Amino acid sequence: MSHANAPLPDLLGFDLPEPLEPGSVGPAPDGSTPAIDLPRAQAAIAEFLRALGRDETDPHLLDTPRRVAAAYAEMLTPRETSWTTFPNDDGYQGLVLVKDIPFHSLCQHHLLPFRGVAHVGYLPGTRLFGLSKLARGVERFARDLQVQERLTQQVADWLEGTLAPRGVGVVMEAEHMCMSLRGVHTAGTMTRTSVFTGLLSGDGPLRGQFPL
């Protein structure tokens, strides 16, 4: 039996998702995420420690491969949720905007975290989201190996495809540990990315409600 498809509640507290096809990047259209093979990851981390010149039999490192594998699996596995929408029976036409949604993700290039806040809004058409779904959507795409530009676009595309709104705005601000802890060592710098569509794509008072 393949370890990749077996549920592992003893290690993570939840079952892992079904796998995508080999080579897939990011969530699939059906909402699934790539399979995680914890035993293989654990063995690879033990080898990684050896490659770094560390003694994996040191008492302080004995459980490190298991801990690291479980930690990455948690960071790469979004919580299950449903994307229930509601009819816009009252014909609300104004902006729905949730600011300062905290998120964290993993840099695809260095496997180091980046974290910050997202500001997500839309101009409703015929359907509405529960407010918590905006935060859930950010988490859904952030728990992956990411670049911030793609993450911002994915959240915008998800809103467009799920709600068919009259406009979407997504602004993300994050500090990247791959810049803070290595390379240029620019601690505290923030990267801002944004996507605006439909009636929010041009300058105006509604778009001005987003942090820019």
C-alpha atoms as a PDB file:
ATOM      1  CA  MET A   1       0.000   0.000   0.000  1.00  0.00           C
ATOM      2  CA  SER A   2       1.364   3.427  -0.931  1.00  0.00           C
ATOM      3  CA  HIS A   3       2.197   5.705   1.989  1.00  0.00           C
ATOM      4  CA  ALA A   4       1.287   8.710  -0.190  1.00  0.00           C
ATOM      5  CA  ASN A   5      -2.413   7.860  -0.185  1.00  0.00           C
ATOM      6  CA  ALA A   6      -2.790   6.535   3.349  1.00  0.00           C
ATOM      7  CA  PRO A   7      -4.459   8.734   6.000  1.00  0.00           C
ATOM      8  CA  LEU A   8      -2.029   9.799   8.716  1.00  0.00           C
ATOM      9  CA  PRO A   9      -4.104  11.144  11.623  1.00  0.00           C
ATOM     10  CA  ASP A  10      -1.507   9.984  14.179  1.00  0.00           C
ATOM     11  CA  LEU A  11       1.013  12.488  12.841  1.00  0.00           C
ATOM     12  CA  LEU A  12      -1.084  15.448  11.780  1.00  0.00           C
ATOM     13  CA  GLY A  13      -4.478  15.169  13.378  1.00  0.00           C
ATOM     14  CA  PHE A  14      -6.257  15.104  10.004  1.00  0.00           C
ATOM     15  CA  ASP A  15      -6.312  13.045   6.838  1.00  0.00           C
ATOM     16  CA  LEU A  16      -4.195  14.187   3.935  1.00  0.00           C
ATOM     17  CA  PRO A  17      -5.931  15.132   0.673  1.00  0.00           C
ATOM     18  CA  GLU A  18      -6.112  12.956  -2.394  1.00  0.00           C
ATOM     19  CA  PRO A  19      -3.139  13.333  -4.764  1.00  0.00           C
ATOM     20  CA  LEU A  20      -2.961  15.308  -7.973  1.00  0.00           C
ATOM     21  CA  GLU A  21      -1.303  14.079 -11.118  1.00  0.00           C
ATOM     22  CA  PRO A  22       2.532  14.045 -10.932  1.00  0.00           C
ATOM     23  CA  GLY A  23       4.056  17.430 -11.629  1.00  0.00           C
ATOM     24  CA  SER A  24       1.000  19.436 -10.611  1.00  0.00           C
ATOM     25  CA  VAL A  25       1.584  22.787  -8.903  1.00  0.00           C
ATOM     26  CA  GLY A  26      -0.986  24.344  -6.615  1.00  0.00           C
ATOM     27  CA  PRO A  27      -4.612  23.387  -6.006  1.00  0.00           C
ATOM     28  CA  ALA A  28      -6.355  21.530  -8.823  1.00  0.00           C
ATOM     29  CA  PRO A  29      -9.678  22.749 -10.289  1.00  0.00           C
ATOM     30  CA  ASP A  30     -11.494  20.174  -8.155  1.00  0.00           C
ATOM     31  CA  GLY A  31      -9.958  21.646  -4.995  1.00  0.00           C
ATOM     32  CA  SER A  32      -7.533  18.805  -4.302  1.00  0.00           C
ATOM     33  CA  THR A  33      -3.917  19.387  -3.305  1.00  0.00           C
ATOM     34  CA  PRO A  34      -0.756  17.391  -4.037  1.00  0.00           C
ATOM     35  CA  ALA A  35      -0.274  14.255  -1.968  1.00  0.00           C
ATOM     36  CA  ILE A  36       2.308  14.346   0.836  1.00  0.00           C
ATOM     37  CA  ASP A  37       4.379  11.233   1.526  1.00  0.00           C
ATOM     38  CA  LEU A  38       5.387  11.753   5.168  1.00  0.00           C
ATOM     39  CA  PRO A  39       7.699   8.715   5.559  1.00  0.00           C
ATOM     40  CA  ARG A  40       9.585   9.708   2.411  1.00  0.00           C
ATOM     41  CA  ALA A  41       9.807  13.333   3.542  1.00  0.00           C
ATOM     42  CA  GLN A  42      11.077  12.232   6.940  1.00  0.00           C
ATOM     43  CA  ALA A  43      13.819  10.098   5.346  1.00  0.00           C
ATOM     44  CA  ALA A  44      14.783  12.977   3.051  1.00  0.00           C
ATOM     45  CA  ILE A  45      15.107  15.388   5.987  1.00  0.00           C
ATOM     46  CA  ALA A  46      17.333  12.921   7.841  1.00  0.00           C
ATOM     47  CA  GLU A  47      19.549  12.763   4.735  1.00  0.00           C
ATOM     48  CA  PHE A  48      19.446  16.551   4.475  1.00  0.00           C
ATOM     49  CA  LEU A  49      20.750  16.837   8.042  1.00  0.00           C
ATOM     50  CA  ARG A  50      23.599  14.487   7.174  1.00  0.00           C
ATOM     51  CA  ALA A  51      24.362  16.519   4.051  1.00  0.00           C
ATOM     52  CA  LEU A  52      24.615  19.606   6.248  1.00  0.00           C
ATOM     53  CA  GLY A  53      27.214  17.840   8.374  1.00  0.00           C
ATOM     54  CA  ARG A  54      24.880  17.240  11.310  1.00  0.00           C
ATOM     55  CA  ASP A  55      24.676  14.034  13.297  1.00  0.00           C
ATOM     56  CA  GLU A  56      21.058  12.927  13.092  1.00  0.00           C
ATOM     57  CA  THR A  57      21.680  10.496  15.960  1.00  0.00           C
ATOM     58  CA  ASP A  58      22.299  13.414  18.331  1.00  0.00           C
ATOM     59  CA  PRO A  59      19.569  13.234  21.020  1.00  0.00           C
ATOM     60  CA  HIS A  60      18.416  16.740  20.093  1.00  0.00           C
ATOM     61  CA  LEU A  61      18.022  15.750  16.430  1.00  0.00           C
ATOM     62  CA  LEU A  62      16.566  12.270  16.760  1.00  0.00           C
ATOM     63  CA  ASP A  63      12.970  13.435  16.318  1.00  0.00           C
ATOM     64  CA  THR A  64      13.742  16.389  14.049  1.00  0.00           C
ATOM     65  CA  PRO A  65      12.969  14.611  10.741  1.00  0.00           C
ATOM     66  CA  ARG A  66       9.512  13.619  11.955  1.00  0.00           C
ATOM     67  CA  ARG A  67       8.810  17.080  13.350  1.00  0.00           C
ATOM     68  CA  VAL A  68       9.949  18.868  10.198  1.00  0.00           C
ATOM     69  CA  ALA A  69       7.991  16.554   7.888  1.00  0.00           C
ATOM     70  CA  ALA A  70       4.835  17.029   9.960  1.00  0.00           C
ATOM     71  CA  ALA A  71       5.341  20.803  10.120  1.00  0.00           C
ATOM     72  CA  TYR A  72       5.695  21.147   6.342  1.00  0.00           C
ATOM     73  CA  ALA A  73       2.721  18.863   5.763  1.00  0.00           C
ATOM     74  CA  GLU A  74       0.628  21.086   8.025  1.00  0.00           C
ATOM     75  CA  MET A  75       1.792  24.264   6.301  1.00  0.00           C
ATOM     76  CA  LEU A  76       1.017  22.783   2.870  1.00  0.00           C
ATOM     77  CA  THR A  77      -2.419  21.331   3.695  1.00  0.00           C
ATOM     78  CA  PRO A  78      -5.327  23.787   3.825  1.00  0.00           C
ATOM     79  CA  ARG A  79      -8.262  23.056   6.047  1.00  0.00           C
ATOM     80  CA  GLU A  80     -11.295  21.648   4.298  1.00  0.00           C
ATOM     81  CA  THR A  81     -14.162  24.057   3.782  1.00  0.00           C
ATOM     82  CA  SER A  82     -17.146  24.548   1.496  1.00  0.00           C
ATOM     83  CA  TRP A  83     -17.686  27.520  -0.782  1.00  0.00           C
ATOM     84  CA  THR A  84     -21.386  28.080  -0.117  1.00  0.00           C
ATOM     85  CA  THR A  85     -22.760  31.267  -1.682  1.00  0.00           C
ATOM     86  CA  PHE A  86     -25.999  33.111  -0.979  1.00  0.00           C
ATOM     87  CA  PRO A  87     -28.400  34.941  -3.279  1.00  0.00           C
ATOM     88  CA  ASN A  88     -28.062  38.703  -3.209  1.00  0.00           C
ATOM     89  CA  ASP A  89     -31.781  39.073  -2.531  1.00  0.00           C
ATOM     90  CA  ASP A  90     -31.523  42.680  -1.347  1.00  0.00           C
ATOM     91  CA  GLY A  91     -29.578  43.737  -4.417  1.00  0.00           C
ATOM     92  CA  TYR A  92     -26.591  45.053  -2.466  1.00  0.00           C
ATOM     93  CA  GLN A  93     -24.342  46.949  -4.874  1.00  0.00           C
ATOM     94  CA  GLY A  94     -21.612  48.278  -2.579  1.00  0.00           C
ATOM     95  CA  LEU A  95     -18.117  47.001  -1.916  1.00  0.00           C
ATOM     96  CA  VAL A  96     -17.605  44.011   0.369  1.00  0.00           C
ATOM     97  CA  LEU A  97     -14.057  44.333   1.732  1.00  0.00           C
ATOM     98  CA  VAL A  98     -12.281  42.357   4.448  1.00  0.00           C
ATOM     99  CA  LYS A  99      -8.963  43.914   5.460  1.00  0.00           C
ATOM    100  CA  ASP A 100      -5.923  42.608   7.320  1.00  0.00           C
ATOM    101  CA  ILE A 101      -6.494  38.888   6.796  1.00  0.00           C
ATOM    102  CA  PRO A 102      -3.343  37.272   8.217  1.00  0.00           C
ATOM    103  CA  PHE A 103      -1.708  34.620   6.059  1.00  0.00           C
ATOM    104  CA  HIS A 104       1.524  32.684   5.766  1.00  0.00           C
ATOM    105  CA  SER A 105       2.949  30.713   2.886  1.00  0.00           C
ATOM    106  CA  LEU A 106       6.196  29.076   1.769  1.00  0.00           C
ATOM    107  CA  CYS A 107       8.527  30.571  -0.827  1.00  0.00           C
ATOM    108  CA  GLN A 108       8.687  28.172  -3.759  1.00  0.00           C
ATOM    109  CA  HIS A 109      12.326  29.048  -4.406  1.00  0.00           C
ATOM    110  CA  HIS A 110      13.804  28.710  -0.899  1.00  0.00           C
ATOM    111  CA  LEU A 111      11.173  26.836   1.173  1.00  0.00           C
ATOM    112  CA  LEU A 112      11.276  29.690   3.677  1.00  0.00           C
ATOM    113  CA  PRO A 113       8.114  31.356   4.978  1.00  0.00           C
ATOM    114  CA  PHE A 114       6.616  34.626   3.908  1.00  0.00           C
ATOM    115  CA  ARG A 115       3.810  36.101   5.930  1.00  0.00           C
ATOM    116  CA  GLY A 116       1.664  39.177   6.044  1.00  0.00           C
ATOM    117  CA  VAL A 117      -1.902  40.381   5.510  1.00  0.00           C
ATOM    118  CA  ALA A 118      -4.370  40.266   2.635  1.00  0.00           C
ATOM    119  CA  HIS A 119      -7.136  42.712   1.792  1.00  0.00           C
ATOM    120  CA  VAL A 120      -9.849  41.043  -0.267  1.00  0.00           C
ATOM    121  CA  GLY A 121     -13.001  42.609  -1.654  1.00  0.00           C
ATOM    122  CA  TYR A 122     -15.607  42.339  -4.387  1.00  0.00           C
ATOM    123  CA  LEU A 123     -18.576  44.135  -5.879  1.00  0.00           C
ATOM    124  CA  PRO A 124     -21.439  41.634  -5.710  1.00  0.00           C
ATOM    125  CA  GLY A 125     -23.472  40.476  -8.642  1.00  0.00           C
ATOM    126  CA  THR A 126     -26.245  38.006  -7.930  1.00  0.00           C
ATOM    127  CA  ARG A 127     -24.382  36.012  -5.259  1.00  0.00           C
ATOM    128  CA  LEU A 128     -22.707  36.767  -1.915  1.00  0.00           C
ATOM    129  CA  PHE A 129     -20.096  35.003   0.209  1.00  0.00           C
ATOM    130  CA  GLY A 130     -20.103  34.641   3.968  1.00  0.00           C
ATOM    131  CA  LEU A 131     -17.348  36.960   5.197  1.00  0.00           C
ATOM    132  CA  SER A 132     -15.298  34.126   6.683  1.00  0.00           C
ATOM    133  CA  LYS A 133     -15.010  32.572   3.222  1.00  0.00           C
ATOM    134  CA  LEU A 134     -12.763  35.412   2.087  1.00  0.00           C
ATOM    135  CA  ALA A 135     -10.256  34.511   4.799  1.00  0.00           C
ATOM    136  CA  ARG A 136     -10.671  30.798   4.054  1.00  0.00           C
ATOM    137  CA  GLY A 137      -9.985  31.433   0.388  1.00  0.00           C
ATOM    138  CA  VAL A 138      -6.731  33.219   1.159  1.00  0.00           C
ATOM    139  CA  GLU A 139      -5.641  30.302   3.331  1.00  0.00           C
ATOM    140  CA  ARG A 140      -6.670  27.811   0.653  1.00  0.00           C
ATOM    141  CA  PHE A 141      -4.109  29.112  -1.814  1.00  0.00           C
ATOM    142  CA  ALA A 142      -1.486  30.308   0.685  1.00  0.00           C
ATOM    143  CA  ARG A 143      -0.881  26.807   2.059  1.00  0.00           C
ATOM    144  CA  ASP A 144       1.277  25.829  -0.880  1.00  0.00           C
ATOM    145  CA  LEU A 145       4.731  26.413  -2.319  1.00  0.00           C
ATOM    146  CA  GLN A 146       4.101  29.880  -3.660  1.00  0.00           C
ATOM    147  CA  VAL A 147       5.281  33.146  -5.082  1.00  0.00           C
ATOM    148  CA  GLN A 148       3.310  36.149  -3.892  1.00  0.00           C
ATOM    149  CA  GLU A 149       2.372  37.321  -7.361  1.00  0.00           C
ATOM    150  CA  ARG A 150       0.737  33.998  -8.240  1.00  0.00           C
ATOM    151  CA  LEU A 151      -0.961  33.765  -4.850  1.00  0.00           C
ATOM    152  CA  THR A 152      -2.579  37.168  -5.361  1.00  0.00           C
ATOM    153  CA  GLN A 153      -3.807  36.207  -8.825  1.00  0.00           C
ATOM    154  CA  GLN A 154      -5.164  32.861  -7.627  1.00  0.00           C
ATOM    155  CA  VAL A 155      -7.290  34.478  -4.935  1.00  0.00           C
ATOM    156  CA  ALA A 156      -8.677  36.961  -7.475  1.00  0.00           C
ATOM    157  CA  ASP A 157      -9.399  34.221 -10.030  1.00  0.00           C
ATOM    158  CA  TRP A 158     -11.119  32.105  -7.364  1.00  0.00           C
ATOM    159  CA  LEU A 159     -13.447  34.983  -6.454  1.00  0.00           C
ATOM    160  CA  GLU A 160     -14.197  35.676 -10.111  1.00  0.00           C
ATOM    161  CA  GLY A 161     -14.941  32.042 -10.865  1.00  0.00           C
ATOM    162  CA  THR A 162     -17.017  31.374  -7.757  1.00  0.00           C
ATOM    163  CA  LEU A 163     -19.135  34.539  -7.514  1.00  0.00           C
ATOM    164  CA  ALA A 164     -19.091  36.165 -10.975  1.00  0.00           C
ATOM    165  CA  PRO A 165     -18.945  39.576  -9.247  1.00  0.00           C
ATOM    166  CA  ARG A 166     -18.893  42.968 -10.943  1.00  0.00           C
ATOM    167  CA  GLY A 167     -15.346  43.523  -9.735  1.00  0.00           C
ATOM    168  CA  VAL A 168     -12.641  42.001  -7.538  1.00  0.00           C
ATOM    169  CA  GLY A 169      -9.756  43.498  -5.602  1.00  0.00           C
ATOM    170  CA  VAL A 170      -6.962  41.624  -3.863  1.00  0.00           C
ATOM    171  CA  VAL A 171      -3.992  43.333  -2.194  1.00  0.00           C
ATOM    172  CA  MET A 172      -1.327  41.339  -0.342  1.00  0.00           C
ATOM    173  CA  GLU A 173       1.511  42.653   1.798  1.00  0.00           C
ATOM    174  CA  ALA A 174       4.138  40.272   3.138  1.00  0.00           C
ATOM    175  CA  GLU A 175       7.638  39.997   4.531  1.00  0.00           C
ATOM    176  CA  HIS A 176       9.704  37.267   2.877  1.00  0.00           C
ATOM    177  CA  MET A 177      12.183  35.376   5.043  1.00  0.00           C
ATOM    178  CA  CYS A 178      14.219  34.575   1.922  1.00  0.00           C
ATOM    179  CA  MET A 179      15.006  38.308   1.823  1.00  0.00           C
ATOM    180  CA  SER A 180      15.176  38.888   5.584  1.00  0.00           C
ATOM    181  CA  LEU A 181      17.349  35.942   6.671  1.00  0.00           C
ATOM    182  CA  ARG A 182      19.577  35.447   3.630  1.00  0.00           C
ATOM    183  CA  GLY A 183      20.690  37.203   0.461  1.00  0.00           C
ATOM    184  CA  VAL A 184      20.257  40.945   0.926  1.00  0.00           C
ATOM    185  CA  HIS A 185      19.236  40.564   4.624  1.00  0.00           C
ATOM    186  CA  THR A 186      16.582  43.269   4.382  1.00  0.00           C
ATOM    187  CA  ALA A 187      14.615  42.550   7.556  1.00  0.00           C
ATOM    188  CA  GLY A 188      11.291  44.321   7.854  1.00  0.00           C
ATOM    189  CA  THR A 189      10.781  45.075   4.155  1.00  0.00           C
ATOM    190  CA  MET A 190       7.288  44.429   2.806  1.00  0.00           C
ATOM    191  CA  THR A 191       6.300  43.296  -0.675  1.00  0.00           C
ATOM    192  CA  ARG A 192       2.904  44.453  -1.948  1.00  0.00           C
ATOM    193  CA  THR A 193       1.049  42.818  -4.842  1.00  0.00           C
ATOM    194  CA  SER A 194      -2.409  43.601  -6.171  1.00  0.00           C
ATOM    195  CA  VAL A 195      -4.990  42.450  -8.687  1.00  0.00           C
ATOM    196  CA  PHE A 196      -8.094  44.471  -9.630  1.00  0.00           C
ATOM    197  CA  THR A 197     -10.746  43.380 -12.113  1.00  0.00           C
ATOM    198  CA  GLY A 198     -14.043  44.602 -13.514  1.00  0.00           C
ATOM    199  CA  LEU A 199     -15.408  47.818 -12.035  1.00  0.00           C
ATOM    200  CA  LEU A 200     -12.491  47.940  -9.583  1.00  0.00           C
ATOM    201  CA  SER A 201      -9.841  47.889 -12.320  1.00  0.00           C
ATOM    202  CA  GLY A 202      -9.880  51.677 -12.705  1.00  0.00           C
ATOM    203  CA  ASP A 203      -9.100  54.397 -10.182  1.00  0.00           C
ATOM    204  CA  GLY A 204     -12.025  55.597  -8.100  1.00  0.00           C
ATOM    205  CA  PRO A 205     -13.470  55.908  -4.590  1.00  0.00           C
ATOM    206  CA  LEU A 206     -14.253  52.180  -4.287  1.00  0.00           C
ATOM    207  CA  ARG A 207     -10.753  51.099  -5.248  1.00  0.00           C
ATOM    208  CA  GLY A 208      -9.446  53.802  -2.945  1.00  0.00           C
ATOM    209  CA  GLN A 209     -10.772  51.832   0.042  1.00  0.00           C
ATOM    210  CA  PHE A 210      -8.017  49.256  -0.500  1.00  0.00           C
ATOM    211  CA  PRO A 211      -4.591  49.887   1.082  1.00  0.00           C
ATOM    212  CA  LEU A 212      -2.332  51.005  -1.785  1.00  0.00           C
END
